[in-house]
Amino acid sequence: GEGGRLCSQSRAIPTRTVTLSDAAQLPADYCTTPGGTLFSTTPGGTRIIYDRKFLLDRRNSPMAKTPPCHLPNIPGVTSPGEVSEEPKADTNNLNHQEGKPSMGKSLWESAL
């Protein structure tokens, strides 16, 4: 027989589309699909899809031109900065192995 295997019925996730009148109505925990659609879910599991036209209209609002607070100061990224020829960070530390115990042959050597 089936060995006691139970089958369950699949159900579609309930969905409702919401047209927002103010950006403050967008929740803090929204998600984005790979295509750029914004959505959120209610505690009951309903997926809320936010209206693209409203969101596009908000891109010209003063709040959209205000950077988020609590960002680290990264010149040229999160704050205006000068572009220099040489990176200021020491990139030699990326492959620095000092202080790590030696495992003998490397993974690449033992695979050959």
C-alpha atoms as a PDB file:
ATOM      1  CA  GLY A   1       0.000   0.000   0.000  1.00  0.00           C
ATOM      2  CA  GLU A   2       0.799   3.626   0.438  1.00  0.00           C
ATOM      3  CA  GLY A   3       2.408   3.177   3.856  1.00  0.00           C
ATOM      4  CA  GLY A   4       0.133   5.709   5.559  1.00  0.00           C
ATOM      5  CA  ARG A   5       1.066   8.553   3.204  1.00  0.00           C
ATOM      6  CA  LEU A   6      -1.367  11.476   3.374  1.00  0.00           C
ATOM      7  CA  CYS A   7      -2.146  13.677   0.403  1.00  0.00           C
ATOM      8  CA  SER A   8      -2.980  17.321   0.872  1.00  0.00           C
ATOM      9  CA  GLN A   9      -4.785  19.661  -1.449  1.00  0.00           C
ATOM     10  CA  SER A  10      -2.777  22.603  -2.740  1.00  0.00           C
ATOM     11  CA  ARG A  11      -4.422  25.998  -2.431  1.00  0.00           C
ATOM     12  CA  ALA A  12      -3.624  29.297  -4.097  1.00  0.00           C
ATOM     13  CA  ILE A  13      -2.281  32.035  -1.837  1.00  0.00           C
ATOM     14  CA  PRO A  14      -5.053  34.615  -1.438  1.00  0.00           C
ATOM     15  CA  THR A  15      -4.028  37.887  -3.098  1.00  0.00           C
ATOM     16  CA  ARG A  16      -5.355  41.422  -3.004  1.00  0.00           C
ATOM     17  CA  THR A  17      -4.005  44.413  -4.890  1.00  0.00           C
ATOM     18  CA  VAL A  18      -3.698  47.629  -2.910  1.00  0.00           C
ATOM     19  CA  THR A  19      -3.531  51.141  -4.352  1.00  0.00           C
ATOM     20  CA  LEU A  20      -1.720  53.345  -1.863  1.00  0.00           C
ATOM     21  CA  SER A  21      -2.391  57.042  -1.386  1.00  0.00           C
ATOM     22  CA  ASP A  22       0.719  57.741   0.685  1.00  0.00           C
ATOM     23  CA  ALA A  23       4.201  56.202   0.929  1.00  0.00           C
ATOM     24  CA  ALA A  24       3.731  55.823   4.691  1.00  0.00           C
ATOM     25  CA  GLN A  25       1.199  53.076   3.944  1.00  0.00           C
ATOM     26  CA  LEU A  26       3.945  50.802   2.582  1.00  0.00           C
ATOM     27  CA  PRO A  27       5.003  48.395   5.368  1.00  0.00           C
ATOM     28  CA  ALA A  28       8.610  48.171   6.547  1.00  0.00           C
ATOM     29  CA  ASP A  29       8.805  44.438   5.745  1.00  0.00           C
ATOM     30  CA  TYR A  30       7.809  44.334   2.070  1.00  0.00           C
ATOM     31  CA  CYS A  31       9.382  41.919  -0.439  1.00  0.00           C
ATOM     32  CA  THR A  32      10.320  42.256  -4.100  1.00  0.00           C
ATOM     33  CA  THR A  33       9.905  39.718  -6.883  1.00  0.00           C
ATOM     34  CA  PRO A  34      12.722  39.324  -9.445  1.00  0.00           C
ATOM     35  CA  GLY A  35      10.557  41.380 -11.828  1.00  0.00           C
ATOM     36  CA  GLY A  36      10.366  44.263  -9.357  1.00  0.00           C
ATOM     37  CA  THR A  37       6.809  43.833  -8.044  1.00  0.00           C
ATOM     38  CA  LEU A  38       6.546  44.854  -4.396  1.00  0.00           C
ATOM     39  CA  PHE A  39       4.449  42.701  -2.091  1.00  0.00           C
ATOM     40  CA  SER A  40       3.923  41.903   1.554  1.00  0.00           C
ATOM     41  CA  THR A  41       1.894  39.350   3.469  1.00  0.00           C
ATOM     42  CA  THR A  42      -0.618  39.700   6.253  1.00  0.00           C
ATOM     43  CA  PRO A  43      -0.363  37.585   9.426  1.00  0.00           C
ATOM     44  CA  GLY A  44      -3.156  35.440   7.940  1.00  0.00           C
ATOM     45  CA  GLY A  45      -1.066  34.689   4.855  1.00  0.00           C
ATOM     46  CA  THR A  46      -2.742  36.933   2.283  1.00  0.00           C
ATOM     47  CA  ARG A  47      -0.245  38.368  -0.192  1.00  0.00           C
ATOM     48  CA  ILE A  48      -0.649  42.118  -0.773  1.00  0.00           C
ATOM     49  CA  ILE A  49       0.658  43.406  -4.117  1.00  0.00           C
ATOM     50  CA  TYR A  50       1.418  47.117  -4.233  1.00  0.00           C
ATOM     51  CA  ASP A  51       0.407  49.265  -7.195  1.00  0.00           C
ATOM     52  CA  ARG A  52       3.351  50.018  -9.515  1.00  0.00           C
ATOM     53  CA  LYS A  53       1.880  53.353 -10.692  1.00  0.00           C
ATOM     54  CA  PHE A  54       1.711  54.687  -7.138  1.00  0.00           C
ATOM     55  CA  LEU A  55       5.250  53.561  -6.388  1.00  0.00           C
ATOM     56  CA  LEU A  56       6.591  55.124  -9.606  1.00  0.00           C
ATOM     57  CA  ASP A  57       4.824  58.382  -8.766  1.00  0.00           C
ATOM     58  CA  ARG A  58       6.624  58.389  -5.405  1.00  0.00           C
ATOM     59  CA  ARG A  59      10.102  58.317  -6.974  1.00  0.00           C
ATOM     60  CA  ASN A  60       9.969  62.108  -7.432  1.00  0.00           C
ATOM     61  CA  SER A  61       8.913  62.805  -3.855  1.00  0.00           C
ATOM     62  CA  PRO A  62      11.319  64.643  -1.485  1.00  0.00           C
ATOM     63  CA  MET A  63      11.509  61.530   0.704  1.00  0.00           C
ATOM     64  CA  ALA A  64      12.813  59.453  -2.225  1.00  0.00           C
ATOM     65  CA  LYS A  65      15.687  61.921  -2.572  1.00  0.00           C
ATOM     66  CA  THR A  66      16.591  61.696   1.130  1.00  0.00           C
ATOM     67  CA  PRO A  67      19.190  59.041   1.977  1.00  0.00           C
ATOM     68  CA  PRO A  68      18.244  56.477   4.618  1.00  0.00           C
ATOM     69  CA  CYS A  69      19.532  57.211   8.096  1.00  0.00           C
ATOM     70  CA  HIS A  70      22.068  55.042   9.959  1.00  0.00           C
ATOM     71  CA  LEU A  71      24.196  54.234   6.886  1.00  0.00           C
ATOM     72  CA  PRO A  72      27.957  53.914   7.378  1.00  0.00           C
ATOM     73  CA  ASN A  73      30.039  56.745   5.903  1.00  0.00           C
ATOM     74  CA  ILE A  74      31.563  55.328   2.708  1.00  0.00           C
ATOM     75  CA  PRO A  75      33.006  58.168   0.583  1.00  0.00           C
ATOM     76  CA  GLY A  76      31.720  58.001  -2.971  1.00  0.00           C
ATOM     77  CA  VAL A  77      29.036  55.460  -2.035  1.00  0.00           C
ATOM     78  CA  THR A  78      26.918  56.706   0.865  1.00  0.00           C
ATOM     79  CA  SER A  79      28.448  60.195   0.981  1.00  0.00           C
ATOM     80  CA  PRO A  80      30.102  62.464  -1.583  1.00  0.00           C
ATOM     81  CA  GLY A  81      33.794  61.697  -1.885  1.00  0.00           C
ATOM     82  CA  GLU A  82      36.809  62.017  -4.102  1.00  0.00           C
ATOM     83  CA  VAL A  83      37.638  59.296  -6.585  1.00  0.00           C
ATOM     84  CA  SER A  84      41.292  58.315  -6.258  1.00  0.00           C
ATOM     85  CA  GLU A  85      43.523  56.190  -8.465  1.00  0.00           C
ATOM     86  CA  GLU A  86      44.628  53.922  -5.599  1.00  0.00           C
ATOM     87  CA  PRO A  87      42.245  52.119  -3.256  1.00  0.00           C
ATOM     88  CA  LYS A  88      42.751  53.183   0.349  1.00  0.00           C
ATOM     89  CA  ALA A  89      41.940  49.759   1.794  1.00  0.00           C
ATOM     90  CA  ASP A  90      44.788  47.263   2.090  1.00  0.00           C
ATOM     91  CA  THR A  91      43.735  44.527  -0.325  1.00  0.00           C
ATOM     92  CA  ASN A  92      46.777  42.384   0.526  1.00  0.00           C
ATOM     93  CA  ASN A  93      44.961  41.055   3.595  1.00  0.00           C
ATOM     94  CA  LEU A  94      42.475  39.116   1.463  1.00  0.00           C
ATOM     95  CA  ASN A  95      44.828  36.161   0.992  1.00  0.00           C
ATOM     96  CA  HIS A  96      46.814  36.650   4.202  1.00  0.00           C
ATOM     97  CA  GLN A  97      47.104  33.258   5.930  1.00  0.00           C
ATOM     98  CA  GLU A  98      49.112  34.227   9.031  1.00  0.00           C
ATOM     99  CA  GLY A  99      47.571  33.103  12.293  1.00  0.00           C
ATOM    100  CA  LYS A 100      45.624  30.213  10.739  1.00  0.00           C
ATOM    101  CA  PRO A 101      46.759  26.655  11.503  1.00  0.00           C
ATOM    102  CA  SER A 102      48.262  24.833   8.566  1.00  0.00           C
ATOM    103  CA  MET A 103      46.282  21.871   7.285  1.00  0.00           C
ATOM    104  CA  GLY A 104      49.208  20.360   5.401  1.00  0.00           C
ATOM    105  CA  LYS A 105      48.471  20.059   1.691  1.00  0.00           C
ATOM    106  CA  SER A 106      45.910  22.448   0.315  1.00  0.00           C
ATOM    107  CA  LEU A 107      42.594  21.155  -0.967  1.00  0.00           C
ATOM    108  CA  TRP A 108      43.758  21.730  -4.540  1.00  0.00           C
ATOM    109  CA  GLU A 109      47.007  19.800  -4.030  1.00  0.00           C
ATOM    110  CA  SER A 110      45.282  16.807  -2.452  1.00  0.00           C
ATOM    111  CA  ALA A 111      42.704  16.667  -5.260  1.00  0.00           C
ATOM    112  CA  LEU A 112      45.370  16.285  -7.950  1.00  0.00           C
END
